[in-house]
Amino acid sequence: MNHPREWFQPKVVGIGWSPRTWEGWAIIVSVIAIGALVGRMNL
């Protein structure tokens, strides 16, 4: 059985995590898109 890949890795410089695979990048893009849509809503 293949071991699952990690989607994010610790940053070399700074604090936090950075995307490592296309799945990680897909999560980042999705969060930004959802934030933009919510920000454009007139509540």
PDB file of N, CA and C in Angstrom:
ATOM      1  N   MET A   1       0.848  -1.177   0.000  1.00  0.00           N
ATOM      2  CA  MET A   1       0.000   0.000   0.000  1.00  0.00           C
ATOM      3  C   MET A   1       0.891   1.236   0.000  1.00  0.00           C
ATOM      4  N   ASN A   2       0.529   2.222  -0.814  1.00  0.00           N
ATOM      5  CA  ASN A   2       1.291   3.462  -0.874  1.00  0.00           C
ATOM      6  C   ASN A   2       0.988   4.326   0.338  1.00  0.00           C
ATOM      7  N   HIS A   3       2.017   4.997   0.818  1.00  0.00           N
ATOM      8  CA  HIS A   3       1.814   5.936   1.919  1.00  0.00           C
ATOM      9  C   HIS A   3       1.212   7.222   1.366  1.00  0.00           C
ATOM     10  N   PRO A   4       0.254   7.801   2.076  1.00  0.00           N
ATOM     11  CA  PRO A   4      -0.342   9.048   1.589  1.00  0.00           C
ATOM     12  C   PRO A   4       0.688  10.182   1.607  1.00  0.00           C
ATOM     13  N   ARG A   5       0.613  11.029   0.599  1.00  0.00           N
ATOM     14  CA  ARG A   5       1.514  12.178   0.539  1.00  0.00           C
ATOM     15  C   ARG A   5       0.989  13.289   1.440  1.00  0.00           C
ATOM     16  N   GLU A   6       1.908  14.047   1.992  1.00  0.00           N
ATOM     17  CA  GLU A   6       1.509  15.213   2.781  1.00  0.00           C
ATOM     18  C   GLU A   6       1.218  16.361   1.823  1.00  0.00           C
ATOM     19  N   TRP A   7       0.095  17.034   2.031  1.00  0.00           N
ATOM     20  CA  TRP A   7      -0.302  18.125   1.153  1.00  0.00           C
ATOM     21  C   TRP A   7       0.421  19.414   1.484  1.00  0.00           C
ATOM     22  N   PHE A   8       0.865  19.572   2.743  1.00  0.00           N
ATOM     23  CA  PHE A   8       1.549  20.775   3.181  1.00  0.00           C
ATOM     24  C   PHE A   8       2.841  20.404   3.884  1.00  0.00           C
ATOM     25  N   GLN A   9       3.816  21.314   3.846  1.00  0.00           N
ATOM     26  CA  GLN A   9       5.083  21.100   4.530  1.00  0.00           C
ATOM     27  C   GLN A   9       5.418  22.354   5.328  1.00  0.00           C
ATOM     28  N   PRO A  10       6.189  22.233   6.401  1.00  0.00           N
ATOM     29  CA  PRO A  10       6.583  23.422   7.157  1.00  0.00           C
ATOM     30  C   PRO A  10       7.444  24.341   6.287  1.00  0.00           C
ATOM     31  N   LYS A  11       7.281  25.644   6.491  1.00  0.00           N
ATOM     32  CA  LYS A  11       8.094  26.603   5.758  1.00  0.00           C
ATOM     33  C   LYS A  11       9.526  26.554   6.251  1.00  0.00           C
ATOM     34  N   VAL A  12      10.443  26.800   5.338  1.00  0.00           N
ATOM     35  CA  VAL A  12      11.853  26.855   5.708  1.00  0.00           C
ATOM     36  C   VAL A  12      12.137  28.172   6.426  1.00  0.00           C
ATOM     37  N   VAL A  13      11.562  29.253   5.912  1.00  0.00           N
ATOM     38  CA  VAL A  13      11.727  30.577   6.507  1.00  0.00           C
ATOM     39  C   VAL A  13      10.344  31.097   6.857  1.00  0.00           C
ATOM     40  N   GLY A  14      10.169  31.540   8.096  1.00  0.00           N
ATOM     41  CA  GLY A  14       8.888  32.081   8.515  1.00  0.00           C
ATOM     42  C   GLY A  14       8.073  31.071   9.303  1.00  0.00           C
ATOM     43  N   ILE A  15       6.836  31.457   9.542  1.00  0.00           N
ATOM     44  CA  ILE A  15       5.937  30.641  10.348  1.00  0.00           C
ATOM     45  C   ILE A  15       4.818  30.122   9.463  1.00  0.00           C
ATOM     46  N   GLY A  16       4.442  28.881   9.647  1.00  0.00           N
ATOM     47  CA  GLY A  16       3.309  28.326   8.925  1.00  0.00           C
ATOM     48  C   GLY A  16       3.681  27.165   8.038  1.00  0.00           C
ATOM     49  N   TRP A  17       2.771  26.885   7.120  1.00  0.00           N
ATOM     50  CA  TRP A  17       2.914  25.744   6.227  1.00  0.00           C
ATOM     51  C   TRP A  17       2.724  26.228   4.800  1.00  0.00           C
ATOM     52  N   SER A  18       3.341  25.527   3.855  1.00  0.00           N
ATOM     53  CA  SER A  18       3.168  25.868   2.453  1.00  0.00           C
ATOM     54  C   SER A  18       2.725  24.624   1.686  1.00  0.00           C
ATOM     55  N   PRO A  19       1.963  24.817   0.610  1.00  0.00           N
ATOM     56  CA  PRO A  19       1.491  23.683  -0.171  1.00  0.00           C
ATOM     57  C   PRO A  19       2.646  22.899  -0.777  1.00  0.00           C
ATOM     58  N   ARG A  20       2.478  21.593  -0.814  1.00  0.00           N
ATOM     59  CA  ARG A  20       3.515  20.717  -1.348  1.00  0.00           C
ATOM     60  C   ARG A  20       3.041  20.002  -2.616  1.00  0.00           C
ATOM     61  N   THR A  21       1.757  19.741  -2.727  1.00  0.00           N
ATOM     62  CA  THR A  21       1.206  19.013  -3.871  1.00  0.00           C
ATOM     63  C   THR A  21       0.075  19.828  -4.493  1.00  0.00           C
ATOM     64  N   TRP A  22      -0.451  19.308  -5.609  1.00  0.00           N
ATOM     65  CA  TRP A  22      -1.543  20.028  -6.267  1.00  0.00           C
ATOM     66  C   TRP A  22      -2.786  20.062  -5.383  1.00  0.00           C
ATOM     67  N   GLU A  23      -2.961  19.070  -4.528  1.00  0.00           N
ATOM     68  CA  GLU A  23      -4.126  19.070  -3.628  1.00  0.00           C
ATOM     69  C   GLU A  23      -4.027  20.217  -2.627  1.00  0.00           C
ATOM     70  N   GLY A  24      -2.828  20.471  -2.137  1.00  0.00           N
ATOM     71  CA  GLY A  24      -2.626  21.596  -1.228  1.00  0.00           C
ATOM     72  C   GLY A  24      -2.929  22.923  -1.901  1.00  0.00           C
ATOM     73  N   TRP A  25      -2.443  23.063  -3.149  1.00  0.00           N
ATOM     74  CA  TRP A  25      -2.740  24.288  -3.896  1.00  0.00           C
ATOM     75  C   TRP A  25      -4.235  24.423  -4.168  1.00  0.00           C
ATOM     76  N   ALA A  26      -4.916  23.301  -4.414  1.00  0.00           N
ATOM     77  CA  ALA A  26      -6.366  23.347  -4.659  1.00  0.00           C
ATOM     78  C   ALA A  26      -7.101  23.844  -3.416  1.00  0.00           C
ATOM     79  N   ILE A  27      -6.660  23.443  -2.244  1.00  0.00           N
ATOM     80  CA  ILE A  27      -7.280  23.916  -1.002  1.00  0.00           C
ATOM     81  C   ILE A  27      -7.074  25.416  -0.852  1.00  0.00           C
ATOM     82  N   ILE A  28      -5.859  25.885  -1.112  1.00  0.00           N
ATOM     83  CA  ILE A  28      -5.557  27.318  -1.002  1.00  0.00           C
ATOM     84  C   ILE A  28      -6.446  28.127  -1.951  1.00  0.00           C
ATOM     85  N   VAL A  29      -6.533  27.701  -3.206  1.00  0.00           N
ATOM     86  CA  VAL A  29      -7.354  28.414  -4.198  1.00  0.00           C
ATOM     87  C   VAL A  29      -8.820  28.390  -3.794  1.00  0.00           C
ATOM     88  N   SER A  30      -9.305  27.267  -3.268  1.00  0.00           N
ATOM     89  CA  SER A  30     -10.702  27.160  -2.843  1.00  0.00           C
ATOM     90  C   SER A  30     -11.008  28.111  -1.695  1.00  0.00           C
ATOM     91  N   VAL A  31     -10.122  28.190  -0.730  1.00  0.00           N
ATOM     92  CA  VAL A  31     -10.339  29.075   0.422  1.00  0.00           C
ATOM     93  C   VAL A  31     -10.357  30.539  -0.026  1.00  0.00           C
ATOM     94  N   ILE A  32      -9.451  30.908  -0.934  1.00  0.00           N
ATOM     95  CA  ILE A  32      -9.430  32.282  -1.440  1.00  0.00           C
ATOM     96  C   ILE A  32     -10.704  32.582  -2.223  1.00  0.00           C
ATOM     97  N   ALA A  33     -11.156  31.643  -3.063  1.00  0.00           N
ATOM     98  CA  ALA A  33     -12.373  31.851  -3.859  1.00  0.00           C
ATOM     99  C   ALA A  33     -13.598  31.988  -2.963  1.00  0.00           C
ATOM    100  N   ILE A  34     -13.704  31.142  -1.944  1.00  0.00           N
ATOM    101  CA  ILE A  34     -14.843  31.226  -1.023  1.00  0.00           C
ATOM    102  C   ILE A  34     -14.805  32.543  -0.264  1.00  0.00           C
ATOM    103  N   GLY A  35     -13.627  32.953   0.166  1.00  0.00           N
ATOM    104  CA  GLY A  35     -13.498  34.242   0.861  1.00  0.00           C
ATOM    105  C   GLY A  35     -13.899  35.400  -0.019  1.00  0.00           C
ATOM    106  N   ALA A  36     -13.521  35.358  -1.300  1.00  0.00           N
ATOM    107  CA  ALA A  36     -13.897  36.425  -2.229  1.00  0.00           C
ATOM    108  C   ALA A  36     -15.404  36.448  -2.445  1.00  0.00           C
ATOM    109  N   LEU A  37     -16.024  35.287  -2.571  1.00  0.00           N
ATOM    110  CA  LEU A  37     -17.477  35.231  -2.761  1.00  0.00           C
ATOM    111  C   LEU A  37     -18.218  35.740  -1.529  1.00  0.00           C
ATOM    112  N   VAL A  38     -17.779  35.350  -0.364  1.00  0.00           N
ATOM    113  CA  VAL A  38     -18.421  35.804   0.874  1.00  0.00           C
ATOM    114  C   VAL A  38     -18.213  37.308   1.038  1.00  0.00           C
ATOM    115  N   GLY A  39     -17.031  37.799   0.669  1.00  0.00           N
ATOM    116  CA  GLY A  39     -16.751  39.230   0.778  1.00  0.00           C
ATOM    117  C   GLY A  39     -17.598  40.077  -0.155  1.00  0.00           C
ATOM    118  N   ARG A  40     -18.019  39.501  -1.284  1.00  0.00           N
ATOM    119  CA  ARG A  40     -18.835  40.249  -2.245  1.00  0.00           C
ATOM    120  C   ARG A  40     -20.328  40.219  -1.920  1.00  0.00           C
ATOM    121  N   MET A  41     -20.709  39.377  -0.977  1.00  0.00           N
ATOM    122  CA  MET A  41     -22.134  39.273  -0.625  1.00  0.00           C
ATOM    123  C   MET A  41     -22.557  40.537   0.118  1.00  0.00           C
ATOM    124  N   ASN A  42     -23.734  41.040  -0.201  1.00  0.00           N
ATOM    125  CA  ASN A  42     -24.297  42.199   0.491  1.00  0.00           C
ATOM    126  C   ASN A  42     -25.170  41.719   1.625  1.00  0.00           C
ATOM    127  N   LEU A  43     -24.639  41.808   2.816  1.00  0.00           N
ATOM    128  CA  LEU A  43     -25.415  41.359   3.973  1.00  0.00           C
ATOM    129  C   LEU A  43     -25.971  42.535   4.723  1.00  0.00           C
TER     130      LEU A  43
END
